[in-house]
């Protein structure tokens, strides 16, 4: 009986995915897009610029050209494509994401079998420490992590379209990271003011970013644990992609802090996150859900699960809106 060649080819494509990821990671690590952008386009020039063996560059670039990451050839020279341009060492590109996913997170995925059978995070298995405490102790990775989060936030520019932040509102971004989302909202809403709360090591990053964008006169920065306390007097409390690594009880407690700190019944709580469903799921949410388990032991929740947590904390969902990158916005009102 002849083998199913189509199925065999699909299996090969699937199981070599990690090789492709490492090839792209190596290109970013060696700075190949930047060297090409600077005019060092031949294989010989790239080898000299990176300190690599010419044969290694030739064989690596053969694959990357076949994958559409670059164009050209070893002799006449290579050219960047939109894909490799997204890996340039410049603000706003995906280079830091590529480095993080190709190094620490790739190592974490190497413990996948043990992770899925024990529900212990692959990162903790690989590094002997949970992700967030590890970030506290490794400043270089913490910076790459924050930049990676920013690179994955392509939907931020659309958030002001799904909720009215105007009217002099105070917006409290819980776990606001470097302040990117808060700056987008404040730039779109000149009469709004922001407050950002996050861990100690994140605040200097947020201060630097917000000082360059909206200015620190419109933002208050708070170093602390959003699961223990949040700034008082907010009209909007915002949780953007920060709840997946925490237990249901922790999330309910954070929501309750917001409910007690809100200005009144007109205030709102916004949750921006990927949601999952077991029926007719697309690949990306299911993949990110597994990645959360791998990195911090977390998980994405369904809309129904979020509804239950909000209910426990004394909120009712006003409405639900869709955002790009398969992100869902849940807008909740405090129950009176």
C-alpha atoms as a PDB file:
ATOM      1  CA  UNK A   1       0.000   0.000   0.000  1.00  0.00           C
ATOM      2  CA  UNK A   2       1.413   3.376  -1.054  1.00  0.00           C
ATOM      3  CA  UNK A   3       1.950   6.052   1.553  1.00  0.00           C
ATOM      4  CA  UNK A   4      -0.241   9.130   1.613  1.00  0.00           C
ATOM      5  CA  UNK A   5       2.328  11.524   0.185  1.00  0.00           C
ATOM      6  CA  UNK A   6       0.272  14.638   0.915  1.00  0.00           C
ATOM      7  CA  UNK A   7      -0.080  13.686   4.566  1.00  0.00           C
ATOM      8  CA  UNK A   8       3.618  12.823   4.789  1.00  0.00           C
ATOM      9  CA  UNK A   9       4.558  16.203   3.296  1.00  0.00           C
ATOM     10  CA  UNK A  10       2.299  17.987   5.801  1.00  0.00           C
ATOM     11  CA  UNK A  11       3.956  16.104   8.662  1.00  0.00           C
ATOM     12  CA  UNK A  12       7.402  17.133   7.412  1.00  0.00           C
ATOM     13  CA  UNK A  13       6.261  20.774   7.166  1.00  0.00           C
ATOM     14  CA  UNK A  14       4.938  20.648  10.722  1.00  0.00           C
ATOM     15  CA  UNK A  15       7.885  18.951  12.415  1.00  0.00           C
ATOM     16  CA  UNK A  16      10.491  21.170  10.728  1.00  0.00           C
ATOM     17  CA  UNK A  17       8.795  24.345  11.888  1.00  0.00           C
ATOM     18  CA  UNK A  18      11.299  24.709  14.708  1.00  0.00           C
ATOM     19  CA  UNK A  19      14.179  24.636  12.227  1.00  0.00           C
ATOM     20  CA  UNK A  20      12.608  27.466  10.263  1.00  0.00           C
ATOM     21  CA  UNK A  21      12.112  29.482  13.454  1.00  0.00           C
ATOM     22  CA  UNK A  22      15.762  29.038  14.402  1.00  0.00           C
ATOM     23  CA  UNK A  23      16.920  30.084  10.931  1.00  0.00           C
ATOM     24  CA  UNK A  24      14.940  33.328  11.224  1.00  0.00           C
ATOM     25  CA  UNK A  25      16.215  33.814  14.782  1.00  0.00           C
ATOM     26  CA  UNK A  26      19.799  33.392  13.580  1.00  0.00           C
ATOM     27  CA  UNK A  27      19.285  35.995  10.861  1.00  0.00           C
ATOM     28  CA  UNK A  28      18.067  38.482  13.481  1.00  0.00           C
ATOM     29  CA  UNK A  29      20.821  37.522  15.925  1.00  0.00           C
ATOM     30  CA  UNK A  30      23.523  38.094  13.296  1.00  0.00           C
ATOM     31  CA  UNK A  31      21.880  41.316  12.165  1.00  0.00           C
ATOM     32  CA  UNK A  32      21.665  40.157   8.552  1.00  0.00           C
ATOM     33  CA  UNK A  33      18.765  42.504   7.651  1.00  0.00           C
ATOM     34  CA  UNK A  34      20.731  45.467   9.025  1.00  0.00           C
ATOM     35  CA  UNK A  35      23.903  44.547   7.140  1.00  0.00           C
ATOM     36  CA  UNK A  36      21.943  44.198   3.906  1.00  0.00           C
ATOM     37  CA  UNK A  37      20.228  47.524   4.580  1.00  0.00           C
ATOM     38  CA  UNK A  38      23.702  49.069   4.986  1.00  0.00           C
ATOM     39  CA  UNK A  39      24.815  47.752   1.566  1.00  0.00           C
ATOM     40  CA  UNK A  40      26.691  44.622   2.615  1.00  0.00           C
ATOM     41  CA  UNK A  41      24.694  42.355   0.342  1.00  0.00           C
ATOM     42  CA  UNK A  42      26.910  39.547  -0.954  1.00  0.00           C
ATOM     43  CA  UNK A  43      27.640  36.361   0.916  1.00  0.00           C
ATOM     44  CA  UNK A  44      31.286  37.342   1.297  1.00  0.00           C
ATOM     45  CA  UNK A  45      30.383  40.748   2.735  1.00  0.00           C
ATOM     46  CA  UNK A  46      27.824  39.263   5.132  1.00  0.00           C
ATOM     47  CA  UNK A  47      30.344  36.709   6.366  1.00  0.00           C
ATOM     48  CA  UNK A  48      32.940  39.429   6.981  1.00  0.00           C
ATOM     49  CA  UNK A  49      30.415  41.677   8.730  1.00  0.00           C
ATOM     50  CA  UNK A  50      29.126  38.972  11.054  1.00  0.00           C
ATOM     51  CA  UNK A  51      32.345  37.005  11.645  1.00  0.00           C
ATOM     52  CA  UNK A  52      30.638  33.892  10.328  1.00  0.00           C
ATOM     53  CA  UNK A  53      31.939  31.340   7.861  1.00  0.00           C
ATOM     54  CA  UNK A  54      30.988  32.160   4.297  1.00  0.00           C
ATOM     55  CA  UNK A  55      29.667  28.644   3.730  1.00  0.00           C
ATOM     56  CA  UNK A  56      27.427  28.941   6.754  1.00  0.00           C
ATOM     57  CA  UNK A  57      25.989  32.229   5.494  1.00  0.00           C
ATOM     58  CA  UNK A  58      25.462  30.771   2.014  1.00  0.00           C
ATOM     59  CA  UNK A  59      23.567  27.748   3.328  1.00  0.00           C
ATOM     60  CA  UNK A  60      21.520  29.786   5.810  1.00  0.00           C
ATOM     61  CA  UNK A  61      20.559  32.352   3.186  1.00  0.00           C
ATOM     62  CA  UNK A  62      19.606  29.601   0.733  1.00  0.00           C
ATOM     63  CA  UNK A  63      16.857  28.550   3.143  1.00  0.00           C
ATOM     64  CA  UNK A  64      15.810  32.073   4.077  1.00  0.00           C
ATOM     65  CA  UNK A  65      15.465  33.070   0.432  1.00  0.00           C
ATOM     66  CA  UNK A  66      13.364  29.944  -0.184  1.00  0.00           C
ATOM     67  CA  UNK A  67      11.187  30.966   2.780  1.00  0.00           C
ATOM     68  CA  UNK A  68      10.708  34.477   1.384  1.00  0.00           C
ATOM     69  CA  UNK A  69      12.601  36.199   4.198  1.00  0.00           C
ATOM     70  CA  UNK A  70      15.186  37.581   1.740  1.00  0.00           C
ATOM     71  CA  UNK A  71      15.543  37.831  -2.023  1.00  0.00           C
ATOM     72  CA  UNK A  72      18.617  37.415  -4.253  1.00  0.00           C
ATOM     73  CA  UNK A  73      21.522  34.986  -4.213  1.00  0.00           C
ATOM     74  CA  UNK A  74      24.997  34.452  -2.800  1.00  0.00           C
ATOM     75  CA  UNK A  75      26.943  35.842  -5.733  1.00  0.00           C
ATOM     76  CA  UNK A  76      24.977  38.848  -6.960  1.00  0.00           C
ATOM     77  CA  UNK A  77      23.751  39.884  -3.533  1.00  0.00           C
ATOM     78  CA  UNK A  78      20.707  39.708  -1.275  1.00  0.00           C
ATOM     79  CA  UNK A  79      17.844  42.142  -0.766  1.00  0.00           C
ATOM     80  CA  UNK A  80      15.517  42.676   2.145  1.00  0.00           C
ATOM     81  CA  UNK A  81      11.838  41.835   1.821  1.00  0.00           C
ATOM     82  CA  UNK A  82       9.018  43.217   4.003  1.00  0.00           C
ATOM     83  CA  UNK A  83       9.591  40.167   6.232  1.00  0.00           C
ATOM     84  CA  UNK A  84      13.292  40.803   6.845  1.00  0.00           C
ATOM     85  CA  UNK A  85      12.623  44.542   7.140  1.00  0.00           C
ATOM     86  CA  UNK A  86      10.411  43.683  10.130  1.00  0.00           C
ATOM     87  CA  UNK A  87      13.568  42.246  11.783  1.00  0.00           C
ATOM     88  CA  UNK A  88      15.724  45.368  11.478  1.00  0.00           C
ATOM     89  CA  UNK A  89      17.291  46.627  14.693  1.00  0.00           C
ATOM     90  CA  UNK A  90      14.974  49.628  14.876  1.00  0.00           C
ATOM     91  CA  UNK A  91      12.191  50.791  17.217  1.00  0.00           C
ATOM     92  CA  UNK A  92       8.847  49.215  16.439  1.00  0.00           C
ATOM     93  CA  UNK A  93      10.140  46.130  14.614  1.00  0.00           C
ATOM     94  CA  UNK A  94       9.728  42.487  15.659  1.00  0.00           C
ATOM     95  CA  UNK A  95      13.442  41.849  16.240  1.00  0.00           C
ATOM     96  CA  UNK A  96      13.194  41.637  20.032  1.00  0.00           C
ATOM     97  CA  UNK A  97      10.273  39.228  19.723  1.00  0.00           C
ATOM     98  CA  UNK A  98      12.331  37.085  17.369  1.00  0.00           C
ATOM     99  CA  UNK A  99      15.282  37.039  19.784  1.00  0.00           C
ATOM    100  CA  UNK A 100      13.159  36.240  22.854  1.00  0.00           C
ATOM    101  CA  UNK A 101      11.134  33.547  21.103  1.00  0.00           C
ATOM    102  CA  UNK A 102      14.244  32.042  19.567  1.00  0.00           C
ATOM    103  CA  UNK A 103      16.204  31.898  22.807  1.00  0.00           C
ATOM    104  CA  UNK A 104      14.544  31.739  26.252  1.00  0.00           C
ATOM    105  CA  UNK A 105      11.070  30.840  25.007  1.00  0.00           C
ATOM    106  CA  UNK A 106      12.452  28.311  22.512  1.00  0.00           C
ATOM    107  CA  UNK A 107      14.297  26.672  25.404  1.00  0.00           C
ATOM    108  CA  UNK A 108      11.048  26.611  27.385  1.00  0.00           C
ATOM    109  CA  UNK A 109       9.247  24.842  24.517  1.00  0.00           C
ATOM    110  CA  UNK A 110      11.958  22.195  24.669  1.00  0.00           C
ATOM    111  CA  UNK A 111      10.250  20.988  27.865  1.00  0.00           C
ATOM    112  CA  UNK A 112       6.854  20.719  26.146  1.00  0.00           C
ATOM    113  CA  UNK A 113       6.102  17.059  26.905  1.00  0.00           C
ATOM    114  CA  UNK A 114       6.740  17.499  30.644  1.00  0.00           C
ATOM    115  CA  UNK A 115       4.852  20.805  30.647  1.00  0.00           C
ATOM    116  CA  UNK A 116       1.712  19.379  29.052  1.00  0.00           C
ATOM    117  CA  UNK A 117       1.655  16.306  31.260  1.00  0.00           C
ATOM    118  CA  UNK A 118       2.307  18.114  34.558  1.00  0.00           C
ATOM    119  CA  UNK A 119       0.900  21.614  33.778  1.00  0.00           C
ATOM    120  CA  UNK A 120       4.165  23.064  35.097  1.00  0.00           C
ATOM    121  CA  UNK A 121       5.409  25.960  32.977  1.00  0.00           C
ATOM    122  CA  UNK A 122       8.115  24.936  30.528  1.00  0.00           C
ATOM    123  CA  UNK A 123      10.050  28.107  31.385  1.00  0.00           C
ATOM    124  CA  UNK A 124      10.153  27.161  35.068  1.00  0.00           C
ATOM    125  CA  UNK A 125      11.228  23.620  34.181  1.00  0.00           C
ATOM    126  CA  UNK A 126      14.019  24.943  31.977  1.00  0.00           C
ATOM    127  CA  UNK A 127      15.267  27.812  34.144  1.00  0.00           C
ATOM    128  CA  UNK A 128      14.310  26.682  37.649  1.00  0.00           C
ATOM    129  CA  UNK A 129      12.348  29.885  38.307  1.00  0.00           C
ATOM    130  CA  UNK A 130       8.963  31.276  37.195  1.00  0.00           C
ATOM    131  CA  UNK A 131       9.018  33.812  34.384  1.00  0.00           C
ATOM    132  CA  UNK A 132       8.166  37.025  36.258  1.00  0.00           C
ATOM    133  CA  UNK A 133      10.629  36.583  39.147  1.00  0.00           C
ATOM    134  CA  UNK A 134      13.220  35.661  36.518  1.00  0.00           C
ATOM    135  CA  UNK A 135      12.534  38.954  34.729  1.00  0.00           C
ATOM    136  CA  UNK A 136      13.028  40.817  38.013  1.00  0.00           C
ATOM    137  CA  UNK A 137      16.540  39.330  38.218  1.00  0.00           C
ATOM    138  CA  UNK A 138      17.514  39.652  34.526  1.00  0.00           C
ATOM    139  CA  UNK A 139      17.225  43.243  33.356  1.00  0.00           C
ATOM    140  CA  UNK A 140      18.357  42.542  29.784  1.00  0.00           C
ATOM    141  CA  UNK A 141      15.619  39.985  29.239  1.00  0.00           C
ATOM    142  CA  UNK A 142      13.076  42.238  30.971  1.00  0.00           C
ATOM    143  CA  UNK A 143      13.780  44.957  28.396  1.00  0.00           C
ATOM    144  CA  UNK A 144      13.441  42.485  25.513  1.00  0.00           C
ATOM    145  CA  UNK A 145      10.228  41.173  27.064  1.00  0.00           C
ATOM    146  CA  UNK A 146       8.694  44.663  27.238  1.00  0.00           C
ATOM    147  CA  UNK A 147       9.741  45.403  23.661  1.00  0.00           C
ATOM    148  CA  UNK A 148       8.299  42.062  22.590  1.00  0.00           C
ATOM    149  CA  UNK A 149       4.989  42.895  24.225  1.00  0.00           C
ATOM    150  CA  UNK A 150       4.999  46.186  22.338  1.00  0.00           C
ATOM    151  CA  UNK A 151       5.686  44.444  19.012  1.00  0.00           C
ATOM    152  CA  UNK A 152       2.661  42.219  19.564  1.00  0.00           C
ATOM    153  CA  UNK A 153       0.359  45.151  20.251  1.00  0.00           C
ATOM    154  CA  UNK A 154      -0.645  45.977  16.681  1.00  0.00           C
ATOM    155  CA  UNK A 155      -4.266  46.423  17.787  1.00  0.00           C
ATOM    156  CA  UNK A 156      -3.528  49.316  20.158  1.00  0.00           C
ATOM    157  CA  UNK A 157      -4.292  52.013  17.589  1.00  0.00           C
ATOM    158  CA  UNK A 158      -7.849  50.656  17.297  1.00  0.00           C
ATOM    159  CA  UNK A 159      -8.688  50.718  21.025  1.00  0.00           C
ATOM    160  CA  UNK A 160      -9.907  54.368  20.997  1.00  0.00           C
ATOM    161  CA  UNK A 161     -12.415  53.315  18.333  1.00  0.00           C
ATOM    162  CA  UNK A 162     -14.255  50.840  20.576  1.00  0.00           C
ATOM    163  CA  UNK A 163     -14.693  53.004  23.685  1.00  0.00           C
ATOM    164  CA  UNK A 164     -15.222  56.707  24.389  1.00  0.00           C
ATOM    165  CA  UNK A 165     -12.343  57.823  26.613  1.00  0.00           C
ATOM    166  CA  UNK A 166     -13.220  61.533  26.319  1.00  0.00           C
ATOM    167  CA  UNK A 167     -14.954  63.785  28.852  1.00  0.00           C
ATOM    168  CA  UNK A 168     -12.001  64.380  31.158  1.00  0.00           C
ATOM    169  CA  UNK A 169     -11.765  60.730  32.205  1.00  0.00           C
ATOM    170  CA  UNK A 170      -8.934  59.316  34.290  1.00  0.00           C
ATOM    171  CA  UNK A 171      -7.734  56.040  32.763  1.00  0.00           C
ATOM    172  CA  UNK A 172      -5.937  53.577  35.006  1.00  0.00           C
ATOM    173  CA  UNK A 173      -3.842  51.040  33.082  1.00  0.00           C
ATOM    174  CA  UNK A 174      -3.303  48.053  35.388  1.00  0.00           C
ATOM    175  CA  UNK A 175      -0.119  46.217  34.424  1.00  0.00           C
ATOM    176  CA  UNK A 176       0.460  48.897  31.804  1.00  0.00           C
ATOM    177  CA  UNK A 177       3.997  47.859  30.864  1.00  0.00           C
ATOM    178  CA  UNK A 178       5.966  50.508  29.026  1.00  0.00           C
ATOM    179  CA  UNK A 179       2.891  52.721  28.644  1.00  0.00           C
ATOM    180  CA  UNK A 180       2.368  52.185  24.934  1.00  0.00           C
ATOM    181  CA  UNK A 181      -1.390  51.574  25.108  1.00  0.00           C
ATOM    182  CA  UNK A 182      -1.933  54.403  27.583  1.00  0.00           C
ATOM    183  CA  UNK A 183      -0.027  56.785  25.309  1.00  0.00           C
ATOM    184  CA  UNK A 184      -2.159  55.769  22.306  1.00  0.00           C
ATOM    185  CA  UNK A 185      -5.353  56.447  24.260  1.00  0.00           C
ATOM    186  CA  UNK A 186      -4.116  59.779  25.643  1.00  0.00           C
ATOM    187  CA  UNK A 187      -2.889  60.945  22.236  1.00  0.00           C
ATOM    188  CA  UNK A 188      -6.338  60.180  20.803  1.00  0.00           C
ATOM    189  CA  UNK A 189      -8.100  61.825  23.773  1.00  0.00           C
ATOM    190  CA  UNK A 190      -6.511  65.186  24.639  1.00  0.00           C
ATOM    191  CA  UNK A 191      -8.730  65.832  27.676  1.00  0.00           C
ATOM    192  CA  UNK A 192      -8.003  62.479  29.364  1.00  0.00           C
ATOM    193  CA  UNK A 193      -5.436  61.747  32.056  1.00  0.00           C
ATOM    194  CA  UNK A 194      -3.663  58.457  32.730  1.00  0.00           C
ATOM    195  CA  UNK A 195      -2.404  56.467  35.686  1.00  0.00           C
ATOM    196  CA  UNK A 196      -0.160  53.421  35.175  1.00  0.00           C
ATOM    197  CA  UNK A 197       0.599  50.715  37.718  1.00  0.00           C
ATOM    198  CA  UNK A 198       3.151  47.937  37.231  1.00  0.00           C
ATOM    199  CA  UNK A 199       6.065  46.161  38.881  1.00  0.00           C
ATOM    200  CA  UNK A 200       9.087  48.111  40.145  1.00  0.00           C
ATOM    201  CA  UNK A 201      11.423  47.188  37.300  1.00  0.00           C
ATOM    202  CA  UNK A 202       8.874  48.291  34.664  1.00  0.00           C
ATOM    203  CA  UNK A 203       8.262  51.829  35.933  1.00  0.00           C
ATOM    204  CA  UNK A 204      11.578  53.312  34.669  1.00  0.00           C
ATOM    205  CA  UNK A 205      10.807  51.889  31.208  1.00  0.00           C
ATOM    206  CA  UNK A 206       7.308  53.404  31.301  1.00  0.00           C
ATOM    207  CA  UNK A 207       8.634  56.752  32.545  1.00  0.00           C
ATOM    208  CA  UNK A 208      11.106  56.980  29.666  1.00  0.00           C
ATOM    209  CA  UNK A 209       8.520  55.994  27.045  1.00  0.00           C
ATOM    210  CA  UNK A 210       5.712  58.219  28.284  1.00  0.00           C
ATOM    211  CA  UNK A 211       8.021  61.203  28.680  1.00  0.00           C
ATOM    212  CA  UNK A 212       8.805  60.920  24.958  1.00  0.00           C
ATOM    213  CA  UNK A 213       5.186  60.520  23.864  1.00  0.00           C
ATOM    214  CA  UNK A 214       2.409  62.215  25.843  1.00  0.00           C
ATOM    215  CA  UNK A 215       4.529  63.782  28.576  1.00  0.00           C
ATOM    216  CA  UNK A 216       4.643  62.994  32.279  1.00  0.00           C
ATOM    217  CA  UNK A 217       2.372  65.912  33.140  1.00  0.00           C
ATOM    218  CA  UNK A 218      -0.595  63.796  31.954  1.00  0.00           C
ATOM    219  CA  UNK A 219       0.411  60.522  33.609  1.00  0.00           C
ATOM    220  CA  UNK A 220       0.921  59.242  37.130  1.00  0.00           C
ATOM    221  CA  UNK A 221       3.240  56.241  37.616  1.00  0.00           C
ATOM    222  CA  UNK A 222       2.710  53.744  40.439  1.00  0.00           C
ATOM    223  CA  UNK A 223       5.120  50.936  41.329  1.00  0.00           C
ATOM    224  CA  UNK A 224       3.159  48.118  42.905  1.00  0.00           C
ATOM    225  CA  UNK A 225       1.120  44.963  42.632  1.00  0.00           C
ATOM    226  CA  UNK A 226      -2.234  45.426  40.880  1.00  0.00           C
ATOM    227  CA  UNK A 227      -3.532  42.352  42.681  1.00  0.00           C
ATOM    228  CA  UNK A 228      -3.083  44.124  46.016  1.00  0.00           C
ATOM    229  CA  UNK A 229      -4.120  47.696  45.195  1.00  0.00           C
ATOM    230  CA  UNK A 230      -4.867  50.055  42.305  1.00  0.00           C
ATOM    231  CA  UNK A 231      -4.917  53.875  42.130  1.00  0.00           C
ATOM    232  CA  UNK A 232      -8.090  55.467  43.434  1.00  0.00           C
ATOM    233  CA  UNK A 233     -10.491  57.679  41.505  1.00  0.00           C
ATOM    234  CA  UNK A 234     -10.344  56.188  38.035  1.00  0.00           C
ATOM    235  CA  UNK A 235     -13.133  56.457  35.476  1.00  0.00           C
ATOM    236  CA  UNK A 236     -11.746  53.606  33.380  1.00  0.00           C
ATOM    237  CA  UNK A 237      -9.732  50.639  34.666  1.00  0.00           C
ATOM    238  CA  UNK A 238      -7.907  48.771  31.938  1.00  0.00           C
ATOM    239  CA  UNK A 239      -6.407  45.267  31.843  1.00  0.00           C
ATOM    240  CA  UNK A 240      -4.670  44.535  28.551  1.00  0.00           C
ATOM    241  CA  UNK A 241      -3.184  41.062  28.101  1.00  0.00           C
ATOM    242  CA  UNK A 242      -2.010  40.810  31.719  1.00  0.00           C
ATOM    243  CA  UNK A 243      -4.453  38.335  33.297  1.00  0.00           C
ATOM    244  CA  UNK A 244      -3.625  35.054  31.570  1.00  0.00           C
ATOM    245  CA  UNK A 245      -0.892  34.038  33.988  1.00  0.00           C
ATOM    246  CA  UNK A 246      -3.009  34.469  37.113  1.00  0.00           C
ATOM    247  CA  UNK A 247      -5.560  32.336  38.898  1.00  0.00           C
ATOM    248  CA  UNK A 248      -9.286  33.039  38.798  1.00  0.00           C
ATOM    249  CA  UNK A 249      -9.237  34.151  42.425  1.00  0.00           C
ATOM    250  CA  UNK A 250      -6.373  36.582  41.745  1.00  0.00           C
ATOM    251  CA  UNK A 251      -8.240  38.078  38.784  1.00  0.00           C
ATOM    252  CA  UNK A 252     -11.444  38.481  40.789  1.00  0.00           C
ATOM    253  CA  UNK A 253      -9.485  40.214  43.552  1.00  0.00           C
ATOM    254  CA  UNK A 254      -7.928  42.650  41.039  1.00  0.00           C
ATOM    255  CA  UNK A 255     -11.366  43.412  39.591  1.00  0.00           C
ATOM    256  CA  UNK A 256     -12.735  44.004  43.087  1.00  0.00           C
ATOM    257  CA  UNK A 257      -9.938  46.494  43.849  1.00  0.00           C
ATOM    258  CA  UNK A 258     -10.990  48.402  40.735  1.00  0.00           C
ATOM    259  CA  UNK A 259     -14.666  48.333  41.708  1.00  0.00           C
ATOM    260  CA  UNK A 260     -13.908  49.835  45.105  1.00  0.00           C
ATOM    261  CA  UNK A 261     -11.540  52.444  43.603  1.00  0.00           C
ATOM    262  CA  UNK A 262     -13.862  53.627  40.814  1.00  0.00           C
ATOM    263  CA  UNK A 263     -15.400  57.081  40.802  1.00  0.00           C
ATOM    264  CA  UNK A 264     -18.948  55.710  40.594  1.00  0.00           C
ATOM    265  CA  UNK A 265     -21.529  53.757  38.566  1.00  0.00           C
ATOM    266  CA  UNK A 266     -20.583  55.518  35.314  1.00  0.00           C
ATOM    267  CA  UNK A 267     -17.041  54.145  35.509  1.00  0.00           C
ATOM    268  CA  UNK A 268     -16.078  51.133  33.423  1.00  0.00           C
ATOM    269  CA  UNK A 269     -13.648  48.229  33.480  1.00  0.00           C
ATOM    270  CA  UNK A 270     -12.095  47.141  30.170  1.00  0.00           C
ATOM    271  CA  UNK A 271     -10.487  43.765  29.557  1.00  0.00           C
ATOM    272  CA  UNK A 272      -8.524  43.424  26.306  1.00  0.00           C
ATOM    273  CA  UNK A 273      -7.334  39.901  25.681  1.00  0.00           C
ATOM    274  CA  UNK A 274      -7.345  36.923  23.368  1.00  0.00           C
ATOM    275  CA  UNK A 275     -10.205  34.559  24.118  1.00  0.00           C
ATOM    276  CA  UNK A 276     -10.491  30.875  23.303  1.00  0.00           C
ATOM    277  CA  UNK A 277     -13.250  28.483  22.374  1.00  0.00           C
ATOM    278  CA  UNK A 278     -13.168  24.700  22.156  1.00  0.00           C
ATOM    279  CA  UNK A 279     -15.483  24.679  19.143  1.00  0.00           C
ATOM    280  CA  UNK A 280     -14.203  25.719  15.700  1.00  0.00           C
ATOM    281  CA  UNK A 281     -11.088  27.324  17.146  1.00  0.00           C
ATOM    282  CA  UNK A 282      -8.641  29.045  14.835  1.00  0.00           C
ATOM    283  CA  UNK A 283      -4.930  28.276  15.136  1.00  0.00           C
ATOM    284  CA  UNK A 284      -3.585  31.510  16.609  1.00  0.00           C
ATOM    285  CA  UNK A 285      -5.622  31.668  19.852  1.00  0.00           C
ATOM    286  CA  UNK A 286      -5.019  27.960  20.494  1.00  0.00           C
ATOM    287  CA  UNK A 287      -1.300  28.409  19.872  1.00  0.00           C
ATOM    288  CA  UNK A 288      -0.988  31.455  22.133  1.00  0.00           C
ATOM    289  CA  UNK A 289      -2.894  29.569  24.833  1.00  0.00           C
ATOM    290  CA  UNK A 290      -0.278  26.797  24.781  1.00  0.00           C
ATOM    291  CA  UNK A 291       2.509  29.372  24.739  1.00  0.00           C
ATOM    292  CA  UNK A 292       1.134  30.900  27.939  1.00  0.00           C
ATOM    293  CA  UNK A 293       1.199  27.511  29.611  1.00  0.00           C
ATOM    294  CA  UNK A 294       4.750  27.076  28.388  1.00  0.00           C
ATOM    295  CA  UNK A 295       6.047  30.437  29.609  1.00  0.00           C
ATOM    296  CA  UNK A 296       4.196  31.309  32.804  1.00  0.00           C
ATOM    297  CA  UNK A 297       1.772  28.449  33.431  1.00  0.00           C
ATOM    298  CA  UNK A 298      -1.131  30.633  32.341  1.00  0.00           C
ATOM    299  CA  UNK A 299      -4.036  30.210  29.959  1.00  0.00           C
ATOM    300  CA  UNK A 300      -6.399  32.176  27.831  1.00  0.00           C
ATOM    301  CA  UNK A 301     -10.016  32.260  28.969  1.00  0.00           C
ATOM    302  CA  UNK A 302     -13.281  32.060  27.095  1.00  0.00           C
ATOM    303  CA  UNK A 303     -15.758  34.937  27.053  1.00  0.00           C
ATOM    304  CA  UNK A 304     -17.966  32.855  29.347  1.00  0.00           C
ATOM    305  CA  UNK A 305     -15.148  32.431  31.855  1.00  0.00           C
ATOM    306  CA  UNK A 306     -14.447  36.175  31.869  1.00  0.00           C
ATOM    307  CA  UNK A 307     -18.155  36.832  32.336  1.00  0.00           C
ATOM    308  CA  UNK A 308     -18.118  34.585  35.399  1.00  0.00           C
ATOM    309  CA  UNK A 309     -15.088  36.312  36.928  1.00  0.00           C
ATOM    310  CA  UNK A 310     -16.578  39.751  36.352  1.00  0.00           C
ATOM    311  CA  UNK A 311     -19.838  38.613  37.911  1.00  0.00           C
ATOM    312  CA  UNK A 312     -18.008  37.396  41.020  1.00  0.00           C
ATOM    313  CA  UNK A 313     -16.358  40.813  41.315  1.00  0.00           C
ATOM    314  CA  UNK A 314     -19.649  42.701  40.965  1.00  0.00           C
ATOM    315  CA  UNK A 315     -19.536  43.670  37.275  1.00  0.00           C
ATOM    316  CA  UNK A 316     -21.880  43.114  34.332  1.00  0.00           C
ATOM    317  CA  UNK A 317     -20.658  43.155  30.743  1.00  0.00           C
ATOM    318  CA  UNK A 318     -22.049  46.165  28.864  1.00  0.00           C
ATOM    319  CA  UNK A 319     -20.863  45.055  25.473  1.00  0.00           C
ATOM    320  CA  UNK A 320     -18.162  43.126  23.644  1.00  0.00           C
ATOM    321  CA  UNK A 321     -16.101  44.440  20.718  1.00  0.00           C
ATOM    322  CA  UNK A 322     -13.615  42.840  18.367  1.00  0.00           C
ATOM    323  CA  UNK A 323     -10.102  44.172  17.779  1.00  0.00           C
ATOM    324  CA  UNK A 324      -7.379  43.190  15.257  1.00  0.00           C
ATOM    325  CA  UNK A 325      -5.023  40.253  15.932  1.00  0.00           C
ATOM    326  CA  UNK A 326      -7.958  38.178  17.219  1.00  0.00           C
ATOM    327  CA  UNK A 327      -8.251  40.311  20.354  1.00  0.00           C
ATOM    328  CA  UNK A 328     -11.519  40.776  22.247  1.00  0.00           C
ATOM    329  CA  UNK A 329     -12.574  43.838  24.271  1.00  0.00           C
ATOM    330  CA  UNK A 330     -14.994  43.283  27.152  1.00  0.00           C
ATOM    331  CA  UNK A 331     -16.484  46.483  28.590  1.00  0.00           C
ATOM    332  CA  UNK A 332     -18.025  45.972  32.060  1.00  0.00           C
ATOM    333  CA  UNK A 333     -20.047  48.203  34.375  1.00  0.00           C
ATOM    334  CA  UNK A 334     -20.070  48.008  38.180  1.00  0.00           C
ATOM    335  CA  UNK A 335     -23.280  46.445  39.449  1.00  0.00           C
ATOM    336  CA  UNK A 336     -25.374  48.863  41.499  1.00  0.00           C
END
